[in-house]
N, C-alpha and C. Protein backbone atom coordinates (compact mmCIF):
# COMPACT_ATOMS: atom_id res chain seq x y z
N MET A 1 -8.19 51.17 26.76
CA MET A 1 -7.13 51.73 25.90
C MET A 1 -7.93 51.82 24.57
N LYS A 2 -7.43 52.80 23.94
CA LYS A 2 -7.97 53.22 22.52
C LYS A 2 -7.26 52.74 21.68
N TYR A 3 -8.24 52.01 20.74
CA TYR A 3 -7.47 51.24 19.44
C TYR A 3 -7.59 52.14 18.01
N ILE A 4 -6.40 52.25 17.51
CA ILE A 4 -6.65 52.87 15.98
C ILE A 4 -6.79 51.71 15.01
N LEU A 5 -7.89 52.07 14.24
CA LEU A 5 -8.39 51.20 13.17
C LEU A 5 -8.24 51.49 11.91
N ARG A 6 -8.08 50.76 11.10
CA ARG A 6 -7.84 50.98 9.53
C ARG A 6 -8.92 50.25 8.63
N ALA A 7 -9.34 50.68 7.75
CA ALA A 7 -10.28 49.85 6.89
C ALA A 7 -9.51 49.05 5.95
N VAL A 8 -10.06 47.78 5.73
CA VAL A 8 -9.58 46.64 5.09
C VAL A 8 -10.45 46.54 3.96
N GLY A 9 -10.78 47.07 2.83
CA GLY A 9 -11.78 46.57 1.94
C GLY A 9 -13.33 46.50 2.46
N GLY A 10 -14.14 47.11 1.99
CA GLY A 10 -15.52 46.93 2.37
C GLY A 10 -15.55 47.20 3.77
N ILE A 11 -16.21 46.60 4.63
CA ILE A 11 -16.40 46.74 6.12
C ILE A 11 -15.73 46.34 6.89
N LYS A 12 -14.65 45.42 6.40
CA LYS A 12 -13.72 44.70 7.47
C LYS A 12 -12.73 45.85 7.92
N TRP A 13 -12.34 45.85 9.42
CA TRP A 13 -11.63 46.63 10.19
C TRP A 13 -10.37 45.85 10.83
N GLU A 14 -9.03 46.29 10.80
CA GLU A 14 -8.32 45.53 11.72
C GLU A 14 -7.65 46.65 12.47
N VAL A 15 -7.16 46.10 13.59
CA VAL A 15 -6.55 47.14 14.67
C VAL A 15 -5.02 47.06 14.12
N VAL A 16 -4.51 48.47 13.96
CA VAL A 16 -3.05 48.58 13.69
C VAL A 16 -2.29 49.17 14.85
N GLY A 17 -2.95 49.67 15.79
CA GLY A 17 -2.13 50.07 17.19
C GLY A 17 -3.13 50.51 17.93
N THR A 18 -2.45 51.00 19.18
CA THR A 18 -3.15 51.81 19.95
C THR A 18 -2.66 53.23 20.42
N ARG A 19 -3.54 53.94 20.76
CA ARG A 19 -3.25 55.34 21.11
C ARG A 19 -3.37 55.74 22.30
N GLY A 20 -2.19 56.26 22.93
CA GLY A 20 -2.29 56.83 24.15
C GLY A 20 -2.16 55.20 25.28
N ARG A 21 -1.87 55.37 26.57
CA ARG A 21 -1.78 54.68 27.47
C ARG A 21 -2.44 54.94 28.96
N ASP A 22 -3.63 54.47 29.16
CA ASP A 22 -4.47 54.84 30.24
C ASP A 22 -3.75 54.79 31.45
N MET A 23 -3.68 55.78 32.25
CA MET A 23 -2.87 55.83 33.25
C MET A 23 -3.64 56.27 34.63
N PHE A 24 -3.35 56.11 35.74
CA PHE A 24 -4.17 56.42 37.01
C PHE A 24 -3.64 57.99 37.33
N ARG A 25 -4.74 58.87 36.87
CA ARG A 25 -4.32 60.28 37.19
C ARG A 25 -5.60 60.82 37.95
N GLY A 26 -5.28 61.90 38.91
CA GLY A 26 -6.35 62.79 39.48
C GLY A 26 -6.59 62.31 40.79
N SER A 27 -7.26 62.84 41.60
CA SER A 27 -7.56 62.77 43.15
C SER A 27 -9.07 62.64 43.51
N PHE A 28 -9.74 61.71 44.24
CA PHE A 28 -11.07 61.60 44.23
C PHE A 28 -11.14 61.22 45.77
N GLU A 29 -12.23 61.97 46.36
CA GLU A 29 -12.48 61.89 47.81
C GLU A 29 -13.57 60.90 48.02
N HIS A 30 -13.56 59.85 48.87
CA HIS A 30 -14.39 58.76 48.92
C HIS A 30 -14.37 58.61 50.65
N THR A 31 -15.49 57.85 51.02
CA THR A 31 -15.57 57.40 52.40
C THR A 31 -15.42 56.15 52.62
N VAL A 32 -14.64 55.55 53.79
CA VAL A 32 -14.71 54.18 53.99
C VAL A 32 -15.83 53.68 54.95
N ASP A 33 -16.41 52.49 54.60
CA ASP A 33 -17.68 52.37 55.06
C ASP A 33 -17.23 51.34 56.41
N SER A 34 -18.42 51.36 57.35
CA SER A 34 -17.71 50.20 58.50
C SER A 34 -17.16 49.22 58.47
N LYS A 35 -17.28 48.55 57.30
CA LYS A 35 -16.62 47.36 57.35
C LYS A 35 -15.12 47.31 56.69
N GLY A 36 -14.51 48.85 56.52
CA GLY A 36 -13.45 48.90 55.73
C GLY A 36 -13.34 48.90 54.51
N ARG A 37 -14.41 48.96 53.67
CA ARG A 37 -14.36 49.08 52.34
C ARG A 37 -14.47 50.38 51.67
N VAL A 38 -13.78 50.78 50.68
CA VAL A 38 -13.88 51.95 49.92
C VAL A 38 -13.96 51.70 48.57
N SER A 39 -14.94 52.81 47.85
CA SER A 39 -15.18 52.69 46.49
C SER A 39 -13.99 52.93 45.59
N VAL A 40 -13.61 52.62 44.60
CA VAL A 40 -12.49 52.77 43.59
C VAL A 40 -13.20 53.77 42.79
N PRO A 41 -12.71 54.91 42.33
CA PRO A 41 -13.37 55.84 41.34
C PRO A 41 -13.66 54.96 40.01
N SER A 42 -14.82 55.43 39.46
CA SER A 42 -15.16 54.74 37.98
C SER A 42 -14.03 54.71 37.13
N LYS A 43 -13.35 55.89 37.12
CA LYS A 43 -12.04 56.43 36.11
C LYS A 43 -11.17 55.39 36.43
N PHE A 44 -10.91 55.10 37.40
CA PHE A 44 -9.71 53.72 37.84
C PHE A 44 -10.29 52.68 37.69
N ARG A 45 -11.64 52.13 37.97
CA ARG A 45 -11.98 50.93 37.73
C ARG A 45 -12.30 50.65 36.29
N ASP A 46 -12.06 51.35 35.20
CA ASP A 46 -12.25 51.26 33.92
C ASP A 46 -10.78 50.99 33.37
N ILE A 47 -9.82 51.78 34.12
CA ILE A 47 -8.36 51.31 33.71
C ILE A 47 -7.98 50.02 34.28
N ILE A 48 -8.35 49.61 35.29
CA ILE A 48 -8.15 48.27 36.05
C ILE A 48 -8.82 47.22 34.94
N ALA A 49 -10.04 47.41 34.68
CA ALA A 49 -10.80 46.45 33.65
C ALA A 49 -9.99 46.58 32.36
N ASP A 50 -9.95 47.51 31.69
CA ASP A 50 -9.24 47.52 30.25
C ASP A 50 -7.90 47.06 30.20
N ARG A 51 -6.85 47.51 31.21
CA ARG A 51 -5.50 47.31 30.98
C ARG A 51 -5.08 45.95 31.70
N TYR A 52 -5.80 45.63 32.81
CA TYR A 52 -5.39 44.53 33.76
C TYR A 52 -6.38 43.73 33.79
N ASP A 53 -6.21 42.59 34.81
CA ASP A 53 -7.30 41.60 34.87
C ASP A 53 -7.77 41.70 35.98
N GLY A 54 -8.01 42.74 36.61
CA GLY A 54 -8.68 42.99 37.85
C GLY A 54 -8.16 42.64 39.27
N ARG A 55 -7.05 42.02 39.15
CA ARG A 55 -6.50 41.65 40.49
C ARG A 55 -5.50 42.79 40.77
N LEU A 56 -5.68 42.91 42.26
CA LEU A 56 -4.96 44.16 42.82
C LEU A 56 -3.92 43.80 44.02
N VAL A 57 -3.20 44.57 44.00
CA VAL A 57 -1.93 44.29 45.54
C VAL A 57 -2.22 45.67 46.33
N LEU A 58 -2.56 45.18 47.45
CA LEU A 58 -2.70 46.55 48.41
C LEU A 58 -1.52 46.40 49.36
N ALA A 59 -0.70 47.64 49.39
CA ALA A 59 0.47 47.47 50.41
C ALA A 59 0.61 48.71 51.21
N MET A 60 1.39 48.64 52.32
CA MET A 60 1.52 49.93 52.99
C MET A 60 2.60 50.66 52.54
N ASP A 61 2.66 52.07 52.81
CA ASP A 61 3.77 52.67 51.95
C ASP A 61 4.61 53.50 53.21
N TYR A 62 5.75 53.74 53.14
CA TYR A 62 6.54 54.56 53.91
C TYR A 62 5.92 55.78 54.55
N ASP A 63 5.14 56.55 53.58
CA ASP A 63 4.62 57.82 53.77
C ASP A 63 3.25 57.83 54.71
N ARG A 64 3.19 56.85 55.31
CA ARG A 64 1.82 56.62 56.11
C ARG A 64 0.46 56.61 55.26
N CYS A 65 0.48 56.31 54.04
CA CYS A 65 -0.53 55.89 52.90
C CYS A 65 -0.13 54.41 52.64
N LEU A 66 -1.39 54.17 51.86
CA LEU A 66 -1.55 52.73 51.33
C LEU A 66 -1.33 52.91 49.91
N THR A 67 -0.94 51.71 49.12
CA THR A 67 -0.74 51.88 47.56
C THR A 67 -1.36 50.62 47.04
N VAL A 68 -2.04 50.93 46.19
CA VAL A 68 -3.04 49.94 45.03
C VAL A 68 -2.18 49.82 43.90
N TYR A 69 -1.61 48.44 43.74
CA TYR A 69 -1.10 47.98 42.40
C TYR A 69 -1.92 47.03 41.59
N PRO A 70 -2.19 47.50 40.43
CA PRO A 70 -2.51 46.18 39.56
C PRO A 70 -1.54 45.10 39.79
N LEU A 71 -1.99 43.90 39.91
CA LEU A 71 -1.00 42.76 39.87
C LEU A 71 0.28 42.78 38.84
N GLU A 72 -0.24 43.12 37.88
CA GLU A 72 1.08 43.05 36.69
C GLU A 72 1.89 44.07 37.02
N GLU A 73 1.56 45.21 37.60
CA GLU A 73 2.58 46.48 37.92
C GLU A 73 3.08 46.04 39.27
N TRP A 74 2.60 45.29 40.22
CA TRP A 74 3.12 44.60 41.19
C TRP A 74 4.27 44.01 40.98
N GLU A 75 4.05 42.74 40.23
CA GLU A 75 5.25 41.78 39.81
C GLU A 75 6.34 42.49 39.01
N ARG A 76 5.99 43.76 38.27
CA ARG A 76 7.10 44.34 37.78
C ARG A 76 8.11 44.99 39.04
N LEU A 77 7.27 45.47 39.95
CA LEU A 77 7.94 45.99 41.15
C LEU A 77 8.75 44.94 41.71
N GLU A 78 8.20 43.72 42.09
CA GLU A 78 8.87 42.72 42.78
C GLU A 78 10.13 42.29 41.96
N GLU A 79 9.95 42.31 40.68
CA GLU A 79 11.09 41.96 39.93
C GLU A 79 12.25 42.98 40.16
N LYS A 80 11.87 44.19 40.21
CA LYS A 80 13.00 45.01 40.55
C LYS A 80 13.56 45.01 41.84
N ILE A 81 12.65 44.85 42.86
CA ILE A 81 13.04 44.56 44.14
C ILE A 81 14.05 43.37 44.07
N LYS A 82 13.90 42.27 43.45
CA LYS A 82 14.73 41.15 43.38
C LYS A 82 16.26 41.54 43.06
N THR A 83 16.51 42.51 42.35
CA THR A 83 17.71 42.87 41.86
C THR A 83 18.31 43.89 42.74
N LEU A 84 17.89 44.16 43.93
CA LEU A 84 18.60 45.04 44.97
C LEU A 84 19.40 44.01 45.90
N SER A 85 20.53 44.54 46.19
CA SER A 85 21.50 43.80 46.90
C SER A 85 20.97 43.71 48.52
N LEU A 86 20.97 42.39 48.72
CA LEU A 86 20.86 41.96 50.22
C LEU A 86 21.62 42.29 51.14
N MET A 87 22.68 42.83 50.65
CA MET A 87 24.08 43.14 51.68
C MET A 87 23.77 44.39 52.27
N LYS A 88 22.76 45.29 52.02
CA LYS A 88 22.25 46.45 52.60
C LYS A 88 21.14 45.87 53.38
N GLN A 89 21.38 46.74 54.60
CA GLN A 89 20.33 46.69 55.78
C GLN A 89 19.24 47.11 55.32
N GLU A 90 19.32 48.42 54.52
CA GLU A 90 18.32 49.21 54.37
C GLU A 90 17.02 48.56 53.16
N VAL A 91 18.00 47.77 52.34
CA VAL A 91 17.15 46.90 51.20
C VAL A 91 16.55 45.86 52.02
N LYS A 92 16.98 45.15 52.99
CA LYS A 92 16.29 44.15 53.44
C LYS A 92 15.17 44.61 54.37
N ASP A 93 15.52 45.95 54.87
CA ASP A 93 14.29 46.52 55.77
C ASP A 93 13.05 46.97 54.83
N PHE A 94 13.24 47.39 53.70
CA PHE A 94 12.41 47.87 52.68
C PHE A 94 11.63 46.39 52.37
N ARG A 95 12.31 45.66 52.17
CA ARG A 95 11.72 44.62 51.53
C ARG A 95 10.97 43.75 52.42
N ARG A 96 11.29 43.71 53.66
CA ARG A 96 10.41 43.11 54.82
C ARG A 96 9.20 44.15 55.05
N PHE A 97 9.43 45.49 55.06
CA PHE A 97 8.35 46.22 55.40
C PHE A 97 7.13 46.16 54.23
N LEU A 98 7.83 46.49 52.85
CA LEU A 98 6.55 46.39 51.82
C LEU A 98 6.10 44.75 51.62
N LEU A 99 6.77 43.81 51.45
CA LEU A 99 6.36 42.52 50.99
C LEU A 99 5.52 41.98 52.15
N SER A 100 5.84 42.22 53.30
CA SER A 100 5.02 41.61 54.50
C SER A 100 3.67 42.33 54.57
N SER A 101 3.62 43.61 54.04
CA SER A 101 2.19 44.35 54.12
C SER A 101 1.26 43.99 53.11
N ALA A 102 1.95 43.54 51.85
CA ALA A 102 1.24 43.33 50.57
C ALA A 102 0.21 42.27 50.82
N THR A 103 -1.20 42.41 50.32
CA THR A 103 -2.11 41.39 50.20
C THR A 103 -2.96 41.71 48.77
N GLU A 104 -3.24 40.69 48.34
CA GLU A 104 -3.97 40.75 46.99
C GLU A 104 -5.34 40.96 47.64
N CYS A 105 -5.99 41.74 46.45
CA CYS A 105 -7.48 42.03 46.90
C CYS A 105 -8.11 42.21 45.26
N GLU A 106 -9.39 42.22 45.36
CA GLU A 106 -10.18 42.42 43.92
C GLU A 106 -11.26 43.29 44.49
N LEU A 107 -11.84 44.03 43.23
CA LEU A 107 -13.03 44.82 43.19
C LEU A 107 -14.18 43.97 43.48
N ASP A 108 -15.16 44.14 44.43
CA ASP A 108 -16.14 43.71 44.70
C ASP A 108 -17.09 44.03 43.45
N LYS A 109 -18.31 43.56 43.57
CA LYS A 109 -19.56 43.99 42.58
C LYS A 109 -19.88 45.30 42.50
N GLN A 110 -19.56 46.10 43.60
CA GLN A 110 -20.01 47.34 43.46
C GLN A 110 -18.79 48.16 43.39
N GLY A 111 -17.42 47.70 43.14
CA GLY A 111 -16.19 48.56 42.78
C GLY A 111 -15.60 48.81 43.89
N ARG A 112 -15.57 48.05 44.87
CA ARG A 112 -14.97 48.53 46.17
C ARG A 112 -13.81 47.47 46.61
N ILE A 113 -12.76 47.96 47.55
CA ILE A 113 -11.77 47.14 47.77
C ILE A 113 -12.09 47.21 49.39
N LEU A 114 -11.50 46.13 50.02
CA LEU A 114 -11.59 46.20 51.67
C LEU A 114 -9.94 46.39 51.87
N ILE A 115 -9.97 47.35 53.01
CA ILE A 115 -8.76 47.60 53.45
C ILE A 115 -8.85 46.87 54.83
N PRO A 116 -7.94 46.17 55.14
CA PRO A 116 -7.89 45.28 56.26
C PRO A 116 -7.39 46.39 57.59
N PRO A 117 -7.83 46.02 58.80
CA PRO A 117 -7.67 46.82 59.81
C PRO A 117 -6.37 47.37 60.02
N PRO A 118 -5.32 46.53 59.93
CA PRO A 118 -3.87 47.01 60.10
C PRO A 118 -3.35 47.95 58.92
N HIS A 119 -3.78 47.96 57.96
CA HIS A 119 -3.52 48.77 56.96
C HIS A 119 -4.09 50.20 56.97
N ARG A 120 -5.59 50.24 57.49
CA ARG A 120 -5.97 51.42 57.95
C ARG A 120 -5.55 52.08 58.93
N GLU A 121 -5.08 51.11 60.25
CA GLU A 121 -4.30 51.82 61.38
C GLU A 121 -3.11 52.43 60.75
N HIS A 122 -2.18 51.78 59.96
CA HIS A 122 -0.92 52.17 59.49
C HIS A 122 -1.22 53.68 58.94
N ALA A 123 -2.20 53.79 58.12
CA ALA A 123 -2.43 55.11 57.21
C ALA A 123 -3.22 56.02 58.13
N GLY A 124 -3.81 55.92 59.34
CA GLY A 124 -4.59 56.61 59.97
C GLY A 124 -5.82 56.90 59.41
N ILE A 125 -6.44 55.76 58.76
CA ILE A 125 -7.78 55.96 57.96
C ILE A 125 -8.68 55.47 58.75
N THR A 126 -9.64 56.36 59.01
CA THR A 126 -10.85 56.30 59.75
C THR A 126 -12.19 56.41 59.01
N LYS A 127 -12.34 57.37 58.33
CA LYS A 127 -13.63 57.61 57.52
C LYS A 127 -13.35 58.20 55.95
N ASN A 128 -12.62 59.38 56.05
CA ASN A 128 -12.66 60.13 54.57
C ASN A 128 -11.15 59.66 54.19
N VAL A 129 -11.34 59.65 52.75
CA VAL A 129 -10.02 59.04 52.36
C VAL A 129 -9.79 59.76 50.76
N MET A 130 -8.63 59.88 50.44
CA MET A 130 -8.26 60.52 49.25
C MET A 130 -7.85 59.38 48.38
N LEU A 131 -8.39 58.96 47.06
CA LEU A 131 -7.52 57.98 46.26
C LEU A 131 -7.11 58.66 45.22
N VAL A 132 -5.66 58.56 44.98
CA VAL A 132 -4.79 59.48 44.16
C VAL A 132 -3.92 58.59 43.15
N GLY A 133 -4.36 59.06 41.83
CA GLY A 133 -3.83 58.34 40.63
C GLY A 133 -2.30 59.02 40.52
N ILE A 134 -1.42 57.78 40.54
CA ILE A 134 0.22 58.08 40.50
C ILE A 134 0.37 57.09 39.26
N ILE A 135 0.01 57.39 38.06
CA ILE A 135 0.42 57.05 36.77
C ILE A 135 0.29 55.38 36.85
N ASP A 136 0.95 54.26 37.56
CA ASP A 136 0.64 53.00 37.22
C ASP A 136 0.20 52.39 38.74
N LYS A 137 -0.24 53.05 39.57
CA LYS A 137 -0.63 52.74 40.99
C LYS A 137 -1.67 53.78 41.44
N ILE A 138 -2.21 53.43 42.60
CA ILE A 138 -3.21 54.34 43.14
C ILE A 138 -2.70 54.43 44.91
N GLU A 139 -2.54 55.59 45.23
CA GLU A 139 -2.21 55.89 46.73
C GLU A 139 -3.63 56.17 47.46
N ILE A 140 -4.07 55.49 48.54
CA ILE A 140 -5.07 55.95 49.48
C ILE A 140 -4.66 56.56 50.75
N TRP A 141 -4.97 57.93 50.76
CA TRP A 141 -4.58 58.64 52.11
C TRP A 141 -5.94 58.96 52.82
N ASP A 142 -5.47 59.15 54.16
CA ASP A 142 -6.42 59.73 54.86
C ASP A 142 -6.66 61.17 54.58
N ALA A 143 -7.68 61.60 54.22
CA ALA A 143 -8.18 62.88 53.76
C ALA A 143 -7.42 64.16 54.35
N LYS A 144 -7.50 63.96 55.68
CA LYS A 144 -6.80 64.97 56.46
C LYS A 144 -5.28 65.00 56.34
N ALA A 145 -4.77 63.85 56.33
CA ALA A 145 -3.28 63.61 56.07
C ALA A 145 -2.67 64.09 54.82
N TRP A 146 -3.79 63.62 53.71
CA TRP A 146 -3.40 64.21 52.38
C TRP A 146 -3.38 65.63 52.44
N GLU A 147 -4.40 66.41 52.81
CA GLU A 147 -4.29 67.81 53.13
C GLU A 147 -2.92 68.40 53.57
N ALA A 148 -3.01 68.00 54.92
CA ALA A 148 -1.54 68.38 55.66
C ALA A 148 -0.28 68.10 54.63
N ARG A 149 -0.37 66.91 54.12
CA ARG A 149 0.98 66.62 53.37
C ARG A 149 1.11 67.58 52.22
N ASN A 150 0.01 68.03 51.52
CA ASN A 150 0.34 68.89 50.56
C ASN A 150 0.67 69.89 50.73
N ASN A 151 -0.01 70.58 51.88
CA ASN A 151 0.37 72.02 52.61
C ASN A 151 1.84 72.06 52.92
N GLN A 152 2.18 71.08 53.41
CA GLN A 152 3.55 71.04 54.07
C GLN A 152 4.53 70.95 53.04
N ASN A 153 4.37 70.07 51.96
CA ASN A 153 5.41 69.92 50.67
C ASN A 153 5.26 71.19 49.72
N GLY A 154 4.45 72.22 49.70
CA GLY A 154 4.26 72.76 48.60
C GLY A 154 5.66 73.64 48.15
N ASP A 155 6.36 74.18 49.00
CA ASP A 155 7.61 74.93 48.83
C ASP A 155 8.74 73.76 48.08
N LYS A 156 8.58 72.50 48.95
CA LYS A 156 9.65 71.57 48.14
C LYS A 156 9.26 71.24 47.09
N ILE A 157 8.14 71.00 46.50
CA ILE A 157 7.59 70.50 45.38
C ILE A 157 7.96 71.54 44.43
N GLY A 158 7.80 72.66 44.64
CA GLY A 158 8.14 74.00 43.49
C GLY A 158 9.81 74.08 43.21
N GLU A 159 10.67 73.82 44.47
CA GLU A 159 12.14 73.77 44.46
C GLU A 159 12.26 72.38 43.64
N ALA A 160 11.98 71.43 43.80
CA ALA A 160 12.14 70.00 43.11
C ALA A 160 11.87 70.25 41.43
N LEU A 161 10.63 71.08 41.03
CA LEU A 161 10.31 71.16 39.85
C LEU A 161 11.23 71.97 38.98
N ALA A 162 11.44 72.97 39.77
CA ALA A 162 12.58 73.95 39.25
C ALA A 162 13.80 73.19 38.74
N ALA A 163 14.21 72.49 39.82
CA ALA A 163 15.60 71.87 39.75
C ALA A 163 15.39 70.82 38.55
N LEU A 164 14.32 70.45 38.00
CA LEU A 164 14.16 69.59 36.81
C LEU A 164 13.65 70.29 35.55
N GLY A 165 13.65 71.68 35.78
CA GLY A 165 13.46 72.34 34.53
C GLY A 165 11.89 72.31 34.08
N LEU A 166 10.92 72.00 35.09
CA LEU A 166 9.68 71.81 34.97
C LEU A 166 8.93 73.24 35.44
């Protein structure tokens, strides 16, 4: 986070606000090691260190990828999930799927996270992965699946953007 400072007589400064909100943006290709660890891009690590306390939650996603949330963002998501009607079967199924796959993790001293075997299997991750910044979370995709997904969705994305006036 970048601070906006103002001089307060002499050499004293005070924080009067912040500029911008650092968000996860961009995509980075990395390799999963033999123990299932992947290095988180330094750009993402900086945001995790500056804005959050370093605790993360890794969960499976319906799109056959994995999602990494800073704990604070995960807790916001849980609060939203708690407001959904339990009378709907699809809500119950979604809650079971997402929450049962959630696991807390932290960056190690080398800036890596461990991806458990069931999570790697769910996302089809073997070696090369893409870490994709999605504003307040990070998606982890098998590199080939990411490429195929982007090629497959090109026309749909264009249509959706046009419908939104973008």
